[in-house]
Amino acid sequence: MSLLLALDAYQIILIVLIALLVIAYPVLMFTRNKKENQRMTEQTNSLKRGDKVLTTSGVYGKIIDIKLEGTAKQVTIETGSDKFKSYMTIDAFAIYQVIKDEVAVAKPLQSLQEKPVEESKQDAEQNADDKKPSQPKTSAKKSAKTAEKKSKSNKKDA
């Protein structure tokens, strides 16, 4: 009892914080691992032939066959292309990620890249104006016209 009275407030707070961390860290790690294990189980249960996958060792392949042997699930994947094909049989839990179709991934990217032609021209003009503020538009147009004339005359000479 006299030991507790001898400790000042900072030491008591430090001891309480260390105790909380010692208790909280394993609890947080357990919940994180539980979520990851659940995600991996769902992924392995949803595997099917024809899926493109990436293994934990960095090998890309396409699922050819799925076998259940006892409690283990084995997946045969095809790697390589054309005459350099090879086949590997791996555990289903060695699959890191199922790769989505390229078409489904490419559609949102195309919609972001597509702009109406008028907007892109206006953006280009504004960017050109921002880059060269000291040069008026008329001189830029004149220099563009003179460059075109020079290229035409060079083509005629050749």
Protein backbone atom coordinates (compact mmCIF):
# COMPACT_ATOMS: atom_id res chain seq x y z
CA MET A 1 0.00 0.00 0.00
CA SER A 2 2.80 2.39 0.84
CA LEU A 3 4.35 1.62 -2.58
CA LEU A 4 1.26 2.95 -4.37
CA LEU A 5 1.29 6.10 -2.31
CA ALA A 6 4.94 6.66 -3.17
CA LEU A 7 4.20 6.64 -6.94
CA ASP A 8 3.29 9.98 -8.42
CA ALA A 9 0.50 10.52 -10.98
CA TYR A 10 2.72 10.25 -14.08
CA GLN A 11 4.02 6.84 -13.10
CA ILE A 12 0.51 5.54 -12.43
CA ILE A 13 -0.69 6.80 -15.83
CA LEU A 14 2.29 5.17 -17.54
CA ILE A 15 1.61 1.81 -15.85
CA VAL A 16 -2.09 1.97 -16.83
CA LEU A 17 -1.25 2.81 -20.47
CA ILE A 18 1.23 -0.05 -20.73
CA ALA A 19 -1.34 -2.45 -19.27
CA LEU A 20 -3.95 -1.27 -21.79
CA LEU A 21 -1.54 -1.72 -24.70
CA VAL A 22 -0.58 -5.20 -23.55
CA ILE A 23 -4.28 -6.13 -23.52
CA ALA A 24 -5.42 -4.19 -26.61
CA TYR A 25 -2.69 -5.30 -29.06
CA PRO A 26 -3.57 -9.02 -29.09
CA VAL A 27 -7.29 -8.23 -29.31
CA LEU A 28 -6.76 -5.95 -32.33
CA MET A 29 -4.49 -8.49 -34.03
CA PHE A 30 -7.02 -11.25 -33.47
CA THR A 31 -9.85 -9.28 -35.11
CA ARG A 32 -7.64 -8.32 -38.05
CA ASN A 33 -6.54 -11.91 -38.62
CA LYS A 34 -10.13 -13.09 -38.34
CA LYS A 35 -11.24 -10.69 -41.10
CA GLU A 36 -8.33 -11.71 -43.35
CA ASN A 37 -9.02 -15.41 -42.84
CA GLN A 38 -12.69 -14.87 -43.63
CA ARG A 39 -11.79 -13.01 -46.85
CA MET A 40 -9.40 -15.79 -47.91
CA THR A 41 -12.01 -18.48 -47.21
CA GLU A 42 -14.64 -16.65 -49.26
CA GLN A 43 -12.16 -16.18 -52.10
CA THR A 44 -11.14 -19.84 -52.20
CA ASN A 45 -14.78 -20.97 -52.10
CA SER A 46 -15.65 -18.72 -55.04
CA LEU A 47 -12.86 -19.99 -57.34
CA LYS A 48 -13.97 -21.48 -60.64
CA ARG A 49 -12.48 -22.65 -63.91
CA GLY A 50 -11.32 -19.90 -66.22
CA ASP A 51 -10.56 -17.37 -63.46
CA LYS A 52 -7.33 -15.46 -63.89
CA VAL A 53 -5.35 -15.44 -60.67
CA LEU A 54 -2.20 -14.13 -59.03
CA THR A 55 -0.46 -16.41 -56.55
CA THR A 56 1.32 -15.31 -53.38
CA SER A 57 4.65 -15.99 -55.11
CA GLY A 58 3.79 -13.60 -57.98
CA VAL A 59 2.81 -16.14 -60.67
CA TYR A 60 -0.05 -15.18 -62.99
CA GLY A 61 -2.19 -17.94 -64.39
CA LYS A 62 -5.59 -19.22 -65.42
CA ILE A 63 -7.44 -21.89 -63.42
CA ILE A 64 -7.76 -25.12 -65.38
CA ASP A 65 -8.85 -27.61 -62.73
CA ILE A 66 -9.99 -27.66 -59.09
CA LYS A 67 -9.64 -30.79 -56.92
CA LEU A 68 -10.80 -31.45 -53.37
CA GLU A 69 -8.55 -33.87 -51.49
CA GLY A 70 -9.82 -34.27 -47.95
CA THR A 71 -9.88 -30.83 -46.40
CA ALA A 72 -7.38 -29.38 -48.87
CA LYS A 73 -8.38 -27.72 -52.12
CA GLN A 74 -5.85 -27.98 -54.95
CA VAL A 75 -5.95 -25.77 -58.01
CA THR A 76 -4.18 -26.41 -61.31
CA ILE A 77 -3.25 -23.23 -63.14
CA GLU A 78 -1.93 -22.66 -66.63
CA THR A 79 0.91 -20.16 -66.95
CA GLY A 80 2.67 -18.74 -69.98
CA SER A 81 1.29 -18.37 -73.48
CA ASP A 82 1.28 -20.13 -76.84
CA LYS A 83 4.07 -22.72 -77.01
CA PHE A 84 5.54 -21.72 -73.63
CA LYS A 85 2.60 -22.95 -71.53
CA SER A 86 3.16 -24.77 -68.28
CA TYR A 87 0.90 -26.14 -65.58
CA MET A 88 1.20 -25.87 -61.80
CA THR A 89 -0.83 -27.50 -59.05
CA ILE A 90 -1.01 -25.33 -55.96
CA ASP A 91 -3.01 -25.06 -52.76
CA ALA A 92 -6.07 -22.82 -53.09
CA PHE A 93 -4.90 -20.66 -50.21
CA ALA A 94 -1.76 -19.81 -52.22
CA ILE A 95 -3.94 -17.67 -54.51
CA TYR A 96 -3.47 -14.07 -53.51
CA GLN A 97 -5.97 -12.40 -55.83
CA VAL A 98 -8.53 -13.20 -58.50
CA ILE A 99 -7.99 -10.81 -61.39
CA LYS A 100 -11.09 -9.15 -62.82
CA ASP A 101 -11.80 -8.95 -66.54
CA GLU A 102 -9.73 -6.33 -68.34
CA VAL A 103 -12.87 -5.07 -70.07
CA ALA A 104 -14.64 -4.36 -66.78
CA VAL A 105 -11.59 -2.54 -65.46
CA ALA A 106 -11.00 -0.61 -68.69
CA LYS A 107 -14.54 0.83 -68.98
CA PRO A 108 -14.28 3.27 -66.05
CA LEU A 109 -10.85 4.38 -67.27
CA GLN A 110 -12.21 5.10 -70.75
CA SER A 111 -15.09 7.15 -69.38
CA LEU A 112 -12.63 9.24 -67.38
CA GLN A 113 -10.39 9.76 -70.41
CA GLU A 114 -13.18 10.64 -72.83
CA LYS A 115 -13.97 14.34 -72.99
CA PRO A 116 -15.91 16.19 -75.59
CA VAL A 117 -13.62 17.53 -78.30
CA GLU A 118 -14.60 21.14 -77.66
CA GLU A 119 -13.75 20.91 -73.95
CA SER A 120 -10.36 19.34 -74.64
CA LYS A 121 -9.53 22.10 -77.16
CA GLN A 122 -10.50 24.77 -74.65
CA ASP A 123 -8.41 23.06 -71.97
CA ALA A 124 -5.44 22.91 -74.31
CA GLU A 125 -5.75 26.60 -75.13
CA GLN A 126 -5.99 27.52 -71.46
CA ASN A 127 -2.97 25.39 -70.62
CA ALA A 128 -0.99 27.00 -73.42
CA ASP A 129 -2.00 30.43 -72.13
CA ASP A 130 -1.01 29.48 -68.59
CA LYS A 131 2.40 28.24 -69.68
CA LYS A 132 3.26 31.32 -71.74
CA PRO A 133 1.50 34.30 -70.16
CA SER A 134 3.95 36.86 -71.54
CA GLN A 135 3.15 35.97 -75.15
CA PRO A 136 -0.13 37.32 -76.55
CA LYS A 137 -2.44 34.96 -78.45
CA THR A 138 -2.02 36.78 -81.74
CA SER A 139 1.74 36.30 -81.80
CA ALA A 140 1.30 32.61 -81.01
CA LYS A 141 -1.12 32.26 -83.91
CA LYS A 142 1.27 34.12 -86.22
CA SER A 143 4.20 31.95 -85.21
CA ALA A 144 2.08 28.83 -85.82
CA LYS A 145 1.15 30.09 -89.29
CA THR A 146 4.75 30.88 -90.16
CA ALA A 147 5.82 27.42 -88.99
CA GLU A 148 3.18 25.88 -91.26
CA LYS A 149 4.37 27.96 -94.22
CA LYS A 150 7.97 26.91 -93.60
CA SER A 151 7.04 23.22 -93.44
CA LYS A 152 5.04 23.53 -96.68
CA SER A 153 7.93 25.25 -98.44
CA ASN A 154 10.35 22.58 -97.19
CA LYS A 155 8.08 19.89 -98.60
CA LYS A 156 7.93 21.66 -101.97
CA ASP A 157 11.73 21.94 -102.08
CA ALA A 158 12.17 18.27 -101.36
